[in-house]
């Protein structure tokens, strides 16, 4: 299993409605990308993340599933606009 973690810090001026659109798009990846076994997303509720406001945790079946996820057209469609509206930090670990 692979855990794909993403920290998200939305840029100033990004509206709450736009943030919700991004979160909805990310959540939908659990239904469209093969190999995703679990997906959690939500706002950070502590002050321990250096200003990062949201987190995404995706559990994938394997390293190969991570590769599929990264290049899947639905992920690309969601991630491109997100990168324009937010600073992202990602890490992948095998568990």
C-alpha atoms as a PDB file:
ATOM      1  CA  UNK A   1       0.000   0.000   0.000  1.00  0.00           C
ATOM      2  CA  UNK A   2       1.073   3.575  -0.698  1.00  0.00           C
ATOM      3  CA  UNK A   3      -0.017   6.702   1.144  1.00  0.00           C
ATOM      4  CA  UNK A   4       0.007   9.847  -1.004  1.00  0.00           C
ATOM      5  CA  UNK A   5      -0.159  12.959   1.187  1.00  0.00           C
ATOM      6  CA  UNK A   6      -0.713  16.473  -0.104  1.00  0.00           C
ATOM      7  CA  UNK A   7      -0.652  19.687   1.903  1.00  0.00           C
ATOM      8  CA  UNK A   8      -2.589  22.542   0.307  1.00  0.00           C
ATOM      9  CA  UNK A   9      -2.217  26.283   0.952  1.00  0.00           C
ATOM     10  CA  UNK A  10      -4.711  28.302  -1.086  1.00  0.00           C
ATOM     11  CA  UNK A  11      -3.429  31.625  -2.390  1.00  0.00           C
ATOM     12  CA  UNK A  12      -4.986  34.838  -1.127  1.00  0.00           C
ATOM     13  CA  UNK A  13      -7.963  35.884  -3.194  1.00  0.00           C
ATOM     14  CA  UNK A  14      -9.165  32.341  -3.899  1.00  0.00           C
ATOM     15  CA  UNK A  15     -12.835  32.398  -2.944  1.00  0.00           C
ATOM     16  CA  UNK A  16     -14.457  29.891  -0.599  1.00  0.00           C
ATOM     17  CA  UNK A  17     -16.609  28.739  -3.525  1.00  0.00           C
ATOM     18  CA  UNK A  18     -13.524  28.060  -5.645  1.00  0.00           C
ATOM     19  CA  UNK A  19     -11.890  26.193  -2.747  1.00  0.00           C
ATOM     20  CA  UNK A  20     -14.990  24.013  -2.439  1.00  0.00           C
ATOM     21  CA  UNK A  21     -14.864  23.280  -6.183  1.00  0.00           C
ATOM     22  CA  UNK A  22     -11.256  22.104  -5.808  1.00  0.00           C
ATOM     23  CA  UNK A  23     -12.098  19.914  -2.809  1.00  0.00           C
ATOM     24  CA  UNK A  24     -15.079  18.370  -4.594  1.00  0.00           C
ATOM     25  CA  UNK A  25     -12.940  17.635  -7.640  1.00  0.00           C
ATOM     26  CA  UNK A  26     -10.264  15.983  -5.526  1.00  0.00           C
ATOM     27  CA  UNK A  27     -12.823  13.912  -3.608  1.00  0.00           C
ATOM     28  CA  UNK A  28     -14.238  12.624  -6.899  1.00  0.00           C
ATOM     29  CA  UNK A  29     -10.918  11.011  -7.797  1.00  0.00           C
ATOM     30  CA  UNK A  30     -11.745   8.126  -5.471  1.00  0.00           C
ATOM     31  CA  UNK A  31     -14.497   7.093  -7.889  1.00  0.00           C
ATOM     32  CA  UNK A  32     -12.663   7.639 -11.170  1.00  0.00           C
ATOM     33  CA  UNK A  33      -9.031   6.582 -10.714  1.00  0.00           C
ATOM     34  CA  UNK A  34      -8.221   2.855 -10.524  1.00  0.00           C
ATOM     35  CA  UNK A  35      -6.111   1.719  -7.580  1.00  0.00           C
ATOM     36  CA  UNK A  36      -7.428   4.287  -5.099  1.00  0.00           C
ATOM     37  CA  UNK A  37      -8.616   2.350  -2.061  1.00  0.00           C
ATOM     38  CA  UNK A  38      -9.370   5.337   0.181  1.00  0.00           C
ATOM     39  CA  UNK A  39      -9.364   9.119  -0.105  1.00  0.00           C
ATOM     40  CA  UNK A  40      -9.726  11.668   2.693  1.00  0.00           C
ATOM     41  CA  UNK A  41      -9.692  15.437   2.328  1.00  0.00           C
ATOM     42  CA  UNK A  42     -10.435  18.276   4.684  1.00  0.00           C
ATOM     43  CA  UNK A  43      -9.422  21.538   6.311  1.00  0.00           C
ATOM     44  CA  UNK A  44      -6.570  21.725   8.781  1.00  0.00           C
ATOM     45  CA  UNK A  45      -7.846  22.618  12.251  1.00  0.00           C
ATOM     46  CA  UNK A  46      -4.499  23.297  13.955  1.00  0.00           C
ATOM     47  CA  UNK A  47      -1.772  25.894  13.630  1.00  0.00           C
ATOM     48  CA  UNK A  48       0.970  23.289  13.120  1.00  0.00           C
ATOM     49  CA  UNK A  49       1.122  23.264   9.314  1.00  0.00           C
ATOM     50  CA  UNK A  50       2.940  26.513   8.475  1.00  0.00           C
ATOM     51  CA  UNK A  51      -0.160  28.066   6.941  1.00  0.00           C
ATOM     52  CA  UNK A  52      -1.245  25.055   4.887  1.00  0.00           C
ATOM     53  CA  UNK A  53      -5.012  25.068   5.079  1.00  0.00           C
ATOM     54  CA  UNK A  54      -6.140  21.682   3.755  1.00  0.00           C
ATOM     55  CA  UNK A  55      -4.871  18.133   3.506  1.00  0.00           C
ATOM     56  CA  UNK A  56      -5.419  15.240   1.130  1.00  0.00           C
ATOM     57  CA  UNK A  57      -4.581  11.626   1.957  1.00  0.00           C
ATOM     58  CA  UNK A  58      -4.944   9.019  -0.775  1.00  0.00           C
ATOM     59  CA  UNK A  59      -4.372   5.334  -0.084  1.00  0.00           C
ATOM     60  CA  UNK A  60      -3.369   3.423  -3.191  1.00  0.00           C
ATOM     61  CA  UNK A  61      -2.923  -0.282  -3.789  1.00  0.00           C
ATOM     62  CA  UNK A  62       0.710  -0.082  -4.953  1.00  0.00           C
ATOM     63  CA  UNK A  63       3.478   2.067  -6.390  1.00  0.00           C
ATOM     64  CA  UNK A  64       2.125   1.221  -9.816  1.00  0.00           C
ATOM     65  CA  UNK A  65      -1.293   2.510  -8.751  1.00  0.00           C
ATOM     66  CA  UNK A  66       0.393   5.764  -7.672  1.00  0.00           C
ATOM     67  CA  UNK A  67       1.870   6.110 -11.164  1.00  0.00           C
ATOM     68  CA  UNK A  68      -1.570   5.492 -12.674  1.00  0.00           C
ATOM     69  CA  UNK A  69      -3.090   8.070 -10.299  1.00  0.00           C
ATOM     70  CA  UNK A  70      -0.508  10.750 -11.098  1.00  0.00           C
ATOM     71  CA  UNK A  71      -1.007  10.536 -14.855  1.00  0.00           C
ATOM     72  CA  UNK A  72      -4.701   9.654 -14.955  1.00  0.00           C
ATOM     73  CA  UNK A  73      -6.643  12.216 -17.069  1.00  0.00           C
ATOM     74  CA  UNK A  74      -9.086  12.950 -14.229  1.00  0.00           C
ATOM     75  CA  UNK A  75      -6.227  13.685 -11.812  1.00  0.00           C
ATOM     76  CA  UNK A  76      -4.502  15.901 -14.371  1.00  0.00           C
ATOM     77  CA  UNK A  77      -7.792  17.761 -14.938  1.00  0.00           C
ATOM     78  CA  UNK A  78      -8.167  18.477 -11.201  1.00  0.00           C
ATOM     79  CA  UNK A  79      -4.505  19.036 -10.299  1.00  0.00           C
ATOM     80  CA  UNK A  80      -3.724  21.596 -13.014  1.00  0.00           C
ATOM     81  CA  UNK A  81      -6.177  24.261 -11.848  1.00  0.00           C
ATOM     82  CA  UNK A  82      -5.385  23.457  -8.205  1.00  0.00           C
ATOM     83  CA  UNK A  83      -1.703  24.261  -8.797  1.00  0.00           C
ATOM     84  CA  UNK A  84      -2.763  27.664 -10.132  1.00  0.00           C
ATOM     85  CA  UNK A  85      -4.789  28.462  -6.999  1.00  0.00           C
ATOM     86  CA  UNK A  86      -2.626  26.872  -4.289  1.00  0.00           C
ATOM     87  CA  UNK A  87       0.830  26.007  -3.113  1.00  0.00           C
ATOM     88  CA  UNK A  88       1.167  22.237  -2.777  1.00  0.00           C
ATOM     89  CA  UNK A  89       3.529  19.959  -0.926  1.00  0.00           C
ATOM     90  CA  UNK A  90       3.372  16.190  -1.473  1.00  0.00           C
ATOM     91  CA  UNK A  91       4.945  13.056  -0.062  1.00  0.00           C
ATOM     92  CA  UNK A  92       4.484   9.374  -0.813  1.00  0.00           C
ATOM     93  CA  UNK A  93       5.278   6.543   1.588  1.00  0.00           C
ATOM     94  CA  UNK A  94       4.944   2.800   1.292  1.00  0.00           C
ATOM     95  CA  UNK A  95       3.234   1.123   4.229  1.00  0.00           C
END
